[in-house]
Structure formats: structure tokens, C-alpha cells
Amino acid sequence: MSEPVRELAQREAPQQQDIPTLMAQIRERIKSDIERNLDSRSGISRATARFADERGISFGDMQLSEELKFLNRSFSYQDLISRDRVTTHRTGLLGRLLVKVKGRLVEFVRRVALKDYLQAEEGFNINLVRFLNDMARYVDARDTNGLSALARVDDEKSLAILTAGRQLRELRESFEERLKTTDALVRGLEGTINNIKTYTDPSPPLASEQFQTTPALKADTSYLLFENRFRGSKDEIARRLSIYPEIFKNAQAPVLEIGSGRGELQQLFKQEGITSYGVDLDVVMVNVANSLGCTTQYGDAIAHLRGLADRSLGGLVAIQLVEHLTHAHLKELFELAKKKLRSGAKVAFETINPQSVLALSSNYFRDPTHIWPLHPDTLAYMATLSGLKIIETKMLSPVSPNQLLKEIPSDSSHTHAVADAVSKINVSFQQLNRLLYGYQDYCLILEVP
């Protein structure tokens, strides 16, 4: 309705109101508004459901309109034809006589001459106003129901778009992950093929004299290929290991890395000017690292530690190794670290975080050489028993936010009960995210007293 009926009423005296003409004007304005807005494509939502035009006419407000109130008050005109409303400008006896005569004439017209017409007109007006009231209730109800339905459709459309967007993101991430894995596999295969003779050299540098009498070594590339396939590319691993040069930057003696693998950390130490070397029990891994310019030796790291002079090392680091050790070997490793490292030297052990179900199921159980997972509290407790000082337990490898359970967004239109329910559900999501998608790795950083 483009113009309030009240404006029409204000331009005309009540006696001159022509209801049929007035309704025709209203219908024309409604029709004009509808035609003018046919091409509107604005979305319907809870925020816009109670649309109001520039004159303040809102959907669902017809029953409350001033125009309808006016019609309900003014549908009857019989009171306007009454002797009590007769006046004259004359005064005195003549004036009173004229008023009396006019009054009787008005009563005659109202009660005799126009009785049937006025009753018919009043009946018509009563039915018209009743119809307008019913129509207003109907239109308001239809607007409310229609806009609610449109709001639901809009919500469903938005939800469908969000769901489709999330699915596309998940597909993209899955594709990118598979692409990275495939790239790492291809690069690993290329490197293995190009350096097969170097990698399978059965005579790598030995870590201790005990190994000089060891029978001829058998080079097996299976674990190298396993690392290339599942652990990630060298660039990705180097990015993850970038925190360690800072930890060992003040080392006053060589830093030993046990289980040095493909040599990514050894390369970082070399770039930062940190003196270090690695020991690994896989011939191919030792050959791969040395082909990249690292200093690595073949041997049992714990046996190698036993043979070192006391207080001869400036640091000790093991990346994804302690989960490969038995309880007895791990206990001895802590004791040897305290004995063979200088006072103030740092020790860093990184391993899979079993507090994350994702890490435990996808990373830990994937490798058949793992012996047992180590909870951060368990590893820290064993280090304390050995007399090492705990500096920090650093959580590593957070899961991508796109993989987490999505919290329900808050909405100002929510009732208190709904908002409270949403808040409780979101707290549950946060707890599930910590349990299912917590940090995938952690590093226990220690210091020798």
C-alpha cells in the first residue's frame, strides 16, 4: 500500500467519504506497488522478514493501521442526521423557532423519508468494515506465513550453500593432500632410482667400534619408501623441524641426533652453523643423508651413547623415535642423556601425541615399527625420574581449522533458550575437537642439570 488512507481522510471531510471510491484507490495503489516490485530479487531472511516501505507500511501490520481504526469508528453516519446537530446564525425567538423547525424536519427526513436508505447504507457500511477487518487479518496472516516460509527456504538455501562450500573445501583439501603425497612419492622414487647405488651401499660410516665386526649389511629401501610415502616431502619436514635450531643454537659441543633418517634436521643445523651429527640404524637412510652433505653414521644410537665420553655432547635430539623404543631402552636413553651431555645442554624428544584420536589412528598405527605411544605426562615423568629438568612441552602440528567440527554461529534472533542450547552444543564441539583433532605431535624439551 503506497499511501496511507489516513492522508485521503485528512483531505476530505468525514461527510464526503466515498467508501467505494476510497477502496478503488487503495486497490489501484496496491496493484501499482505489486507491478513496480515484480523484478525485486532481494533475499528473505529473519532480518528482513518485517519489510517496511519508505512510508512505514509493514507486512503484517494491516490490522493495526490507523485507516482501519478510522473505518471501525466511522462506519455509521446516522448520528450526523440528528436534531441535536441543527444550528442557526439567527438569535432570539426567531433563531430558536428556526432550530426547532429544522430539527423536526431533520427527524422527519431521518425517520420517515430516508429511513430505509439510511438503514441500508448503515448495513452496507457495517458489512464493508467487517469485510475489511477480516481481509486485514487474512492478509496479515498470509504475509506472516508466506514470509516465514520464504525465510525457511532462504535458511535452507543458505545451509545448502554452506554445506556445498564445506564439501568443496574438503574435496579440495583431500585432493591437495593426495597431490602432495603423490608428489612426495614420485620425488622419492625418482631419488631412489637415481641414487640406488649410493643408497644401497653396504658399507656406510659406522657409529662405533663394536660394529666393525658386524656381518655384511643388507641395504633395504622399504622404510625409505615408506617415509617418502607417508611422512611428507623433505620441504614439509624441514618446515616442521625449523623450531629446533633455535633450541640448540648455544650448544657448546656437538649435538647428536639419534634416528636422523633422511637428514632434514642435520641440514638445518648445518645451515645455522650448529655442529652436529646423526646416528641411524637404517643403512639406506644413512646413505641418503650423507649424499646430501650430512654427517651421519650407521649404528645403534644407545650403544653409541654408551661408548661416548661423559659430558662430551652439547645436545641430544630425537624426532619421532622414542615411540620405536621399549620401556627399558627409553629408560636407559634418559640416563645416558644425563650422563653424556654437558651441564645446561638441551634435550628434545618429539613424538606422536596420543591425546589426539586423529594422530593416534592415522599416524601412530600406520607405522608397523612403532612399539607403544607415549602420553606427554608419561614421557615427562620418565625424564624427571632420570634427573633431567623439564623446560617445556611444546605442542606441534595443529590440525587444519577446515577439518574441525564447525561451531553453530550465534544469532541475535535466537531466544534465550535457543542461545543457551547453541552455547552448550558449541562447548561440546570444542571438547570433541580437542579429543579428535588435537595437536598431532608434541616435543618434550629438557635440560641437563
Protein backbone atom coordinates (compact mmCIF):
# COMPACT_ATOMS: atom_id res chain seq x y z
CA MET A 1 0.00 0.00 0.00
CA SER A 2 1.86 3.03 -1.25
CA GLU A 3 -0.11 5.78 0.60
CA PRO A 4 -1.92 5.60 3.92
CA VAL A 5 -5.67 6.00 3.72
CA ARG A 6 -5.29 8.45 6.57
CA GLU A 7 -3.94 11.04 4.12
CA LEU A 8 -7.05 10.67 1.99
CA ALA A 9 -9.23 11.06 5.03
CA GLN A 10 -7.43 14.21 6.05
CA ARG A 11 -8.04 15.79 2.65
CA GLU A 12 -11.79 15.18 2.76
CA ALA A 13 -14.40 15.88 5.38
CA PRO A 14 -15.96 12.79 7.00
CA GLN A 15 -19.35 13.61 5.45
CA GLN A 16 -17.81 13.42 2.00
CA GLN A 17 -16.16 9.99 2.35
CA ASP A 18 -16.96 7.74 -0.61
CA ILE A 19 -16.10 4.23 0.56
CA PRO A 20 -16.29 2.51 -2.87
CA THR A 21 -14.09 5.20 -4.43
CA LEU A 22 -11.70 5.03 -1.50
CA MET A 23 -11.37 1.22 -1.80
CA ALA A 24 -10.87 1.52 -5.55
CA GLN A 25 -7.99 3.94 -4.93
CA ILE A 26 -6.45 1.57 -2.38
CA ARG A 27 -6.70 -1.37 -4.79
CA GLU A 28 -5.06 0.65 -7.56
CA ARG A 29 -2.19 1.63 -5.30
CA ILE A 30 -1.67 -1.98 -4.18
CA LYS A 31 -1.72 -3.16 -7.78
CA SER A 32 0.76 -0.44 -8.74
CA ASP A 33 3.11 -1.41 -5.90
CA ILE A 34 3.00 -5.08 -6.86
CA GLU A 35 3.76 -4.36 -10.50
CA ARG A 36 6.58 -2.00 -9.55
CA ASN A 37 8.27 -4.62 -7.38
CA LEU A 38 7.83 -7.66 -9.63
CA ASP A 39 11.53 -7.71 -10.52
CA SER A 40 12.75 -7.46 -6.95
CA ARG A 41 15.16 -10.30 -6.14
CA SER A 42 16.13 -9.39 -2.61
CA GLY A 43 16.53 -12.42 -0.35
CA ILE A 44 14.18 -13.06 2.53
CA SER A 45 15.65 -13.75 5.94
CA ARG A 46 14.72 -13.23 9.58
CA ALA A 47 16.38 -9.85 9.45
CA THR A 48 14.26 -8.64 6.51
CA ALA A 49 11.05 -10.56 7.11
CA ARG A 50 9.28 -7.47 8.53
CA PHE A 51 9.83 -5.33 5.46
CA ALA A 52 8.69 -1.72 5.66
CA ASP A 53 8.40 0.61 2.70
CA GLU A 54 9.51 4.23 2.69
CA ARG A 55 6.18 5.34 4.21
CA GLY A 56 6.29 2.91 7.11
CA ILE A 57 3.69 0.39 5.87
CA SER A 58 4.91 -3.00 7.07
CA PHE A 59 3.92 -6.51 6.16
CA GLY A 60 1.72 -7.97 8.88
CA ASP A 61 0.55 -4.57 10.19
CA MET A 62 -2.76 -4.03 8.34
CA GLN A 63 -4.86 -4.81 11.43
CA LEU A 64 -3.06 -2.07 13.33
CA SER A 65 -3.34 0.58 10.64
CA GLU A 66 -4.84 3.95 11.54
CA GLU A 67 -7.02 3.78 8.43
CA LEU A 68 -8.76 0.61 9.61
CA LYS A 69 -9.23 2.11 13.05
CA PHE A 70 -10.87 5.16 11.42
CA LEU A 71 -13.27 2.96 9.41
CA ASN A 72 -14.22 1.00 12.55
CA ARG A 73 -15.07 4.25 14.35
CA SER A 74 -16.87 5.99 11.48
CA PHE A 75 -18.90 3.40 9.57
CA SER A 76 -22.26 4.89 10.77
CA TYR A 77 -23.50 8.33 9.60
CA GLN A 78 -26.99 8.33 11.20
CA ASP A 79 -25.76 10.30 14.19
CA LEU A 80 -24.80 13.09 11.81
CA ILE A 81 -28.53 13.46 10.83
CA SER A 82 -29.90 14.49 14.24
CA ARG A 83 -31.88 17.46 15.60
CA ASP A 84 -29.16 17.90 18.21
CA ARG A 85 -26.73 18.91 15.44
CA VAL A 86 -29.09 21.58 13.96
CA THR A 87 -27.85 25.19 14.41
CA THR A 88 -28.59 28.65 13.01
CA HIS A 89 -26.86 32.00 12.91
CA ARG A 90 -30.02 33.85 13.94
CA THR A 91 -30.59 34.72 17.56
CA GLY A 92 -33.54 35.29 19.82
CA LEU A 93 -37.04 33.86 19.42
CA LEU A 94 -36.69 33.57 15.65
CA GLY A 95 -33.49 31.61 15.96
CA ARG A 96 -34.99 29.18 18.47
CA LEU A 97 -38.04 28.77 16.23
CA LEU A 98 -35.87 28.03 13.18
CA VAL A 99 -33.83 25.46 15.12
CA LYS A 100 -36.98 23.75 16.28
CA VAL A 101 -38.50 23.65 12.79
CA LYS A 102 -35.24 22.42 11.23
CA GLY A 103 -34.96 19.79 13.95
CA ARG A 104 -38.40 18.42 13.27
CA LEU A 105 -37.62 18.45 9.55
CA VAL A 106 -34.38 16.54 10.08
CA GLU A 107 -36.15 13.99 12.28
CA PHE A 108 -38.82 13.58 9.59
CA VAL A 109 -36.17 13.03 6.91
CA ARG A 110 -34.20 10.60 9.07
CA ARG A 111 -37.12 8.61 10.49
CA VAL A 112 -39.52 8.71 7.51
CA ALA A 113 -38.14 9.96 4.21
CA LEU A 114 -34.63 8.39 4.32
CA LYS A 115 -35.22 5.66 6.91
CA ASP A 116 -34.83 2.70 4.54
CA TYR A 117 -31.91 4.26 2.72
CA LEU A 118 -30.02 5.09 5.88
CA GLN A 119 -30.59 1.62 7.31
CA ALA A 120 -29.41 0.08 4.04
CA GLU A 121 -26.40 2.39 3.93
CA GLU A 122 -25.50 1.57 7.53
CA GLY A 123 -25.88 -2.15 6.88
CA PHE A 124 -23.68 -1.84 3.83
CA ASN A 125 -21.03 0.06 5.77
CA ILE A 126 -21.13 -2.44 8.65
CA ASN A 127 -20.58 -5.36 6.27
CA LEU A 128 -17.90 -3.47 4.35
CA VAL A 129 -15.94 -2.65 7.50
CA ARG A 130 -16.37 -6.21 8.79
CA PHE A 131 -15.08 -7.48 5.44
CA LEU A 132 -12.09 -5.10 5.64
CA ASN A 133 -11.30 -6.33 9.15
CA ASP A 134 -11.46 -9.95 8.02
CA MET A 135 -9.38 -9.12 4.96
CA ALA A 136 -6.77 -7.37 7.10
CA ARG A 137 -6.50 -10.41 9.38
CA TYR A 138 -6.27 -12.68 6.35
CA VAL A 139 -3.60 -10.57 4.63
CA ASP A 140 -1.56 -10.23 7.82
CA ALA A 141 -1.74 -13.98 8.44
CA ARG A 142 -0.85 -14.72 4.83
CA ASP A 143 2.07 -12.30 4.94
CA THR A 144 3.35 -13.82 8.16
CA ASN A 145 3.03 -17.40 6.92
CA GLY A 146 4.40 -16.54 3.50
CA LEU A 147 7.40 -14.68 4.84
CA SER A 148 8.07 -17.44 7.37
CA ALA A 149 8.02 -19.97 4.54
CA LEU A 150 10.33 -17.77 2.48
CA ALA A 151 12.64 -17.37 5.48
CA ARG A 152 12.76 -21.16 5.88
CA VAL A 153 13.51 -21.53 2.17
CA ASP A 154 16.23 -18.91 2.46
CA ASP A 155 17.71 -20.65 5.51
CA GLU A 156 17.64 -23.97 3.69
CA LYS A 157 19.27 -22.36 0.67
CA SER A 158 21.97 -20.81 2.85
CA LEU A 159 22.53 -24.12 4.61
CA ALA A 160 22.77 -25.92 1.28
CA ILE A 161 25.30 -23.35 0.06
CA LEU A 162 27.34 -23.67 3.26
CA THR A 163 27.22 -27.47 3.06
CA ALA A 164 28.25 -27.43 -0.59
CA GLY A 165 31.04 -24.98 0.21
CA ARG A 166 32.28 -27.16 3.05
CA GLN A 167 32.17 -30.26 0.84
CA LEU A 168 34.10 -28.42 -1.88
CA ARG A 169 36.72 -27.32 0.66
CA GLU A 170 37.03 -30.87 1.97
CA LEU A 171 37.37 -32.20 -1.57
CA ARG A 172 39.98 -29.56 -2.36
CA GLU A 173 41.94 -30.35 0.80
CA SER A 174 41.71 -34.07 0.10
CA PHE A 175 42.86 -33.51 -3.45
CA GLU A 176 45.73 -31.26 -2.33
CA GLU A 177 46.77 -33.80 0.30
CA ARG A 178 46.71 -36.62 -2.24
CA LEU A 179 48.62 -34.42 -4.67
CA LYS A 180 51.29 -33.70 -2.05
CA THR A 181 51.50 -37.39 -1.18
CA THR A 182 51.78 -38.34 -4.82
CA ASP A 183 54.41 -35.67 -5.39
CA ALA A 184 56.41 -36.89 -2.40
CA LEU A 185 56.11 -40.48 -3.62
CA VAL A 186 57.22 -39.57 -7.14
CA ARG A 187 60.13 -37.48 -5.87
CA GLY A 188 61.14 -40.26 -3.51
CA LEU A 189 61.02 -42.84 -6.25
CA GLU A 190 63.00 -40.57 -8.57
CA GLY A 191 65.63 -40.01 -5.90
CA THR A 192 65.81 -43.70 -5.08
CA ILE A 193 66.14 -44.69 -8.72
CA ASN A 194 68.76 -42.04 -9.47
CA ASN A 195 70.82 -42.87 -6.38
CA ILE A 196 70.10 -46.57 -5.98
CA LYS A 197 73.78 -47.49 -5.92
CA THR A 198 74.60 -44.86 -3.31
CA TYR A 199 71.60 -45.64 -1.15
CA THR A 200 72.26 -49.39 -1.13
CA ASP A 201 75.99 -49.11 -0.37
CA PRO A 202 76.51 -51.85 2.27
CA SER A 203 79.48 -50.01 3.83
CA PRO A 204 78.23 -46.77 5.45
CA PRO A 205 80.20 -44.93 8.15
CA LEU A 206 79.89 -46.87 11.41
CA ALA A 207 78.88 -45.23 14.68
CA SER A 208 81.16 -47.27 16.99
CA GLU A 209 83.93 -49.82 17.00
CA GLN A 210 81.52 -52.57 18.02
CA PHE A 211 80.08 -52.57 14.52
CA GLN A 212 83.38 -53.24 12.78
CA THR A 213 82.83 -56.98 13.26
CA THR A 214 79.22 -56.82 12.05
CA PRO A 215 78.47 -59.12 9.12
CA ALA A 216 77.89 -57.54 5.69
CA LEU A 217 74.94 -55.17 5.94
CA LYS A 218 71.83 -55.58 3.81
CA ALA A 219 70.51 -52.34 2.34
CA ASP A 220 66.68 -52.30 2.36
CA THR A 221 64.93 -49.35 0.73
CA SER A 222 61.46 -50.28 2.01
CA TYR A 223 61.49 -47.92 5.02
CA LEU A 224 62.86 -45.06 2.93
CA LEU A 225 59.95 -45.51 0.52
CA PHE A 226 57.58 -45.72 3.48
CA GLU A 227 58.88 -42.38 4.79
CA ASN A 228 58.62 -40.81 1.35
CA ARG A 229 55.07 -42.07 1.03
CA PHE A 230 53.59 -41.13 4.41
CA ARG A 231 55.80 -38.75 6.38
CA GLY A 232 55.81 -35.97 3.82
CA SER A 233 58.18 -34.24 1.45
CA LYS A 234 61.60 -33.06 2.59
CA ASP A 235 60.50 -29.43 2.33
CA GLU A 236 57.46 -30.09 4.53
CA ILE A 237 59.54 -31.94 7.13
CA ALA A 238 62.14 -29.16 7.09
CA ARG A 239 59.39 -26.63 7.78
CA ARG A 240 58.16 -28.67 10.76
CA LEU A 241 61.70 -29.02 12.13
CA SER A 242 62.52 -25.33 11.88
CA ILE A 243 61.97 -24.85 15.65
CA TYR A 244 65.00 -26.98 16.64
CA PRO A 245 67.97 -24.83 15.54
CA GLU A 246 66.73 -22.15 17.97
CA ILE A 247 66.74 -24.68 20.83
CA PHE A 248 70.33 -25.80 20.19
CA LYS A 249 71.86 -22.53 18.95
CA ASN A 250 74.01 -22.15 22.12
CA ALA A 251 75.33 -25.72 22.18
CA GLN A 252 78.97 -25.80 23.36
CA ALA A 253 79.70 -29.25 21.89
CA PRO A 254 78.37 -31.41 19.03
CA VAL A 255 74.64 -32.12 19.01
CA LEU A 256 73.73 -35.76 18.42
CA GLU A 257 70.56 -36.65 16.54
CA ILE A 258 69.53 -40.24 17.03
CA GLY A 259 67.34 -41.69 14.31
CA SER A 260 68.45 -38.96 11.89
CA GLY A 261 66.59 -40.51 8.95
CA ARG A 262 66.84 -38.63 5.65
CA GLY A 263 68.91 -35.84 7.25
CA GLU A 264 66.43 -32.93 7.15
CA LEU A 265 67.33 -31.70 10.66
CA GLN A 266 71.05 -32.22 10.03
CA GLN A 267 70.79 -29.94 7.01
CA LEU A 268 69.03 -27.24 9.09
CA PHE A 269 71.74 -27.46 11.78
CA LYS A 270 74.42 -27.14 9.09
CA GLN A 271 72.72 -24.04 7.63
CA GLU A 272 72.63 -22.42 11.10
CA GLY A 273 76.27 -23.27 11.86
CA ILE A 274 75.42 -25.78 14.61
CA THR A 275 77.90 -28.63 14.87
CA SER A 276 76.03 -31.91 14.80
CA TYR A 277 75.95 -35.46 13.52
CA GLY A 278 73.39 -38.22 13.30
CA VAL A 279 73.18 -41.93 14.02
CA ASP A 280 70.61 -44.20 12.38
CA LEU A 281 70.05 -47.94 12.28
CA ASP A 282 68.88 -47.91 8.64
CA VAL A 283 71.67 -48.23 6.07
CA VAL A 284 69.70 -46.59 3.28
CA MET A 285 68.71 -43.62 5.47
CA VAL A 286 72.38 -43.07 6.42
CA ASN A 287 73.42 -43.17 2.76
CA VAL A 288 70.61 -40.77 1.75
CA ALA A 289 71.60 -38.23 4.44
CA ASN A 290 75.30 -38.43 3.61
CA SER A 291 74.56 -37.98 -0.11
CA LEU A 292 73.02 -34.62 0.87
CA GLY A 293 76.18 -33.48 2.68
CA CYS A 294 75.18 -34.51 6.21
CA THR A 295 77.40 -36.26 8.76
CA THR A 296 75.56 -39.44 9.70
CA GLN A 297 76.71 -42.85 10.87
CA TYR A 298 75.20 -46.28 10.89
CA GLY A 299 74.66 -47.88 14.26
CA ASP A 300 72.61 -48.38 17.41
CA ALA A 301 72.32 -44.93 18.96
CA ILE A 302 72.05 -46.21 22.53
CA ALA A 303 75.14 -48.39 22.07
CA HIS A 304 76.87 -45.37 20.54
CA LEU A 305 75.97 -43.24 23.57
CA ARG A 306 77.39 -45.88 25.91
CA GLY A 307 80.75 -45.60 24.19
CA LEU A 308 81.00 -41.80 24.36
CA ALA A 309 82.99 -39.93 26.99
CA ASP A 310 80.95 -38.40 29.77
CA ARG A 311 79.92 -34.74 29.28
CA SER A 312 81.07 -34.82 25.65
CA LEU A 313 77.83 -33.82 23.90
CA GLY A 314 76.31 -30.36 23.65
CA GLY A 315 72.80 -31.57 22.92
CA LEU A 316 70.62 -34.56 22.06
CA VAL A 317 67.58 -34.65 19.79
CA ALA A 318 65.31 -37.44 18.56
CA ILE A 319 62.47 -36.77 16.12
CA GLN A 320 59.73 -39.39 16.01
CA LEU A 321 61.98 -42.00 17.57
CA VAL A 322 61.02 -42.67 21.21
CA GLU A 323 57.81 -44.44 20.14
CA HIS A 324 60.09 -47.05 18.49
CA LEU A 325 61.81 -47.90 21.81
CA THR A 326 60.92 -50.38 24.52
CA HIS A 327 60.42 -49.14 28.06
CA ALA A 328 63.87 -50.42 29.08
CA HIS A 329 65.61 -48.75 26.13
CA LEU A 330 63.80 -45.46 26.79
CA LYS A 331 64.79 -45.53 30.46
CA GLU A 332 68.44 -46.13 29.50
CA LEU A 333 68.30 -43.34 26.91
CA PHE A 334 67.28 -40.82 29.58
CA GLU A 335 70.01 -41.99 31.93
CA LEU A 336 72.68 -41.84 29.19
CA ALA A 337 71.50 -38.35 28.18
CA LYS A 338 72.08 -37.08 31.71
CA LYS A 339 75.48 -38.72 31.83
CA LYS A 340 76.89 -37.95 28.37
CA LEU A 341 75.66 -34.36 27.92
CA ARG A 342 77.26 -31.29 29.39
CA SER A 343 75.55 -29.39 32.19
CA GLY A 344 72.99 -26.96 30.74
CA ALA A 345 72.76 -28.87 27.43
CA LYS A 346 69.33 -29.27 25.88
CA VAL A 347 67.47 -32.49 25.06
CA ALA A 348 64.48 -32.58 22.71
CA PHE A 349 62.26 -35.59 22.06
CA GLU A 350 59.45 -35.23 19.54
CA THR A 351 56.79 -37.91 19.21
CA ILE A 352 53.17 -38.50 18.21
CA ASN A 353 50.54 -37.08 20.55
CA PRO A 354 48.22 -39.94 21.62
CA GLN A 355 45.77 -37.40 23.09
CA SER A 356 44.62 -36.76 19.52
CA VAL A 357 42.48 -39.57 18.13
CA LEU A 358 43.34 -38.45 14.59
CA ALA A 359 47.09 -38.60 15.26
CA LEU A 360 46.82 -41.91 17.06
CA SER A 361 44.73 -43.61 14.39
CA SER A 362 46.30 -42.06 11.27
CA ASN A 363 49.95 -41.54 12.26
CA TYR A 364 50.84 -43.90 15.08
CA PHE A 365 49.19 -47.11 13.91
CA ARG A 366 50.23 -46.56 10.31
CA ASP A 367 53.88 -47.37 11.07
CA PRO A 368 54.38 -51.08 11.91
CA THR A 369 57.73 -50.36 13.62
CA HIS A 370 56.10 -48.37 16.46
CA ILE A 371 56.15 -50.15 19.83
CA TRP A 372 53.97 -48.01 22.11
CA PRO A 373 52.53 -44.49 22.18
CA LEU A 374 53.79 -42.10 24.87
CA HIS A 375 51.47 -39.68 26.61
CA PRO A 376 53.17 -36.30 27.31
CA ASP A 377 52.78 -36.84 31.05
CA THR A 378 54.35 -40.31 30.84
CA LEU A 379 57.38 -39.13 28.88
CA ALA A 380 57.85 -36.14 31.20
CA TYR A 381 57.58 -38.38 34.27
CA MET A 382 60.26 -40.75 32.97
CA ALA A 383 62.55 -37.80 32.26
CA THR A 384 62.01 -36.49 35.80
CA LEU A 385 62.88 -39.88 37.29
CA SER A 386 66.16 -39.78 35.37
CA GLY A 387 67.03 -36.39 36.90
CA LEU A 388 66.52 -34.24 33.79
CA LYS A 389 64.93 -30.84 34.16
CA ILE A 390 61.71 -30.20 32.20
CA ILE A 391 61.83 -26.90 30.29
CA GLU A 392 58.67 -27.12 28.18
CA THR A 393 56.23 -29.46 26.48
CA LYS A 394 55.61 -27.83 23.10
CA MET A 395 52.51 -28.90 21.17
CA LEU A 396 53.12 -29.26 17.43
CA SER A 397 51.33 -29.93 14.12
CA PRO A 398 47.86 -28.45 14.67
CA VAL A 399 45.05 -29.81 12.53
CA SER A 400 43.75 -27.53 9.79
CA PRO A 401 40.73 -25.48 11.01
CA ASN A 402 38.79 -26.73 7.98
CA GLN A 403 38.93 -30.26 9.40
CA LEU A 404 37.50 -29.29 12.79
CA LEU A 405 33.86 -29.68 13.77
CA LYS A 406 32.18 -26.36 12.97
CA GLU A 407 30.51 -24.47 15.81
CA ILE A 408 26.97 -23.16 15.36
CA PRO A 409 27.09 -19.39 14.75
CA SER A 410 25.27 -17.21 17.26
CA ASP A 411 22.25 -15.28 16.01
CA SER A 412 20.64 -12.25 17.62
CA SER A 413 17.23 -13.64 16.64
CA HIS A 414 17.70 -16.67 18.90
CA THR A 415 15.60 -16.87 22.02
CA HIS A 416 17.37 -17.22 25.35
CA ALA A 417 16.63 -20.97 25.44
CA VAL A 418 17.94 -21.50 21.88
CA ALA A 419 21.05 -19.37 22.55
CA ASP A 420 21.75 -21.40 25.71
CA ALA A 421 21.36 -24.68 23.78
CA VAL A 422 23.65 -23.43 21.00
CA SER A 423 26.27 -22.40 23.57
CA LYS A 424 26.21 -25.85 25.19
CA ILE A 425 26.46 -27.58 21.82
CA ASN A 426 29.45 -25.40 20.87
CA VAL A 427 31.20 -26.28 24.14
CA SER A 428 30.69 -29.95 23.28
CA PHE A 429 32.14 -29.33 19.80
CA GLN A 430 35.20 -27.69 21.38
CA GLN A 431 35.72 -30.70 23.65
CA LEU A 432 35.32 -33.10 20.72
CA ASN A 433 37.76 -31.08 18.62
CA ARG A 434 40.38 -31.30 21.37
CA LEU A 435 39.83 -35.04 21.66
CA LEU A 436 39.52 -35.93 17.99
CA TYR A 437 41.60 -33.25 16.30
CA GLY A 438 44.12 -32.15 18.91
CA TYR A 439 47.77 -31.36 18.15
CA GLN A 440 49.23 -34.33 16.26
CA ASP A 441 52.73 -34.15 17.78
CA TYR A 442 54.48 -32.75 20.83
CA CYS A 443 58.08 -32.10 21.82
CA LEU A 444 59.44 -32.57 25.33
CA ILE A 445 62.31 -30.10 25.86
CA LEU A 446 64.68 -30.93 28.74
CA GLU A 447 67.89 -29.60 30.26
CA VAL A 448 70.74 -31.48 31.85
CA PRO A 449 71.39 -30.22 35.40
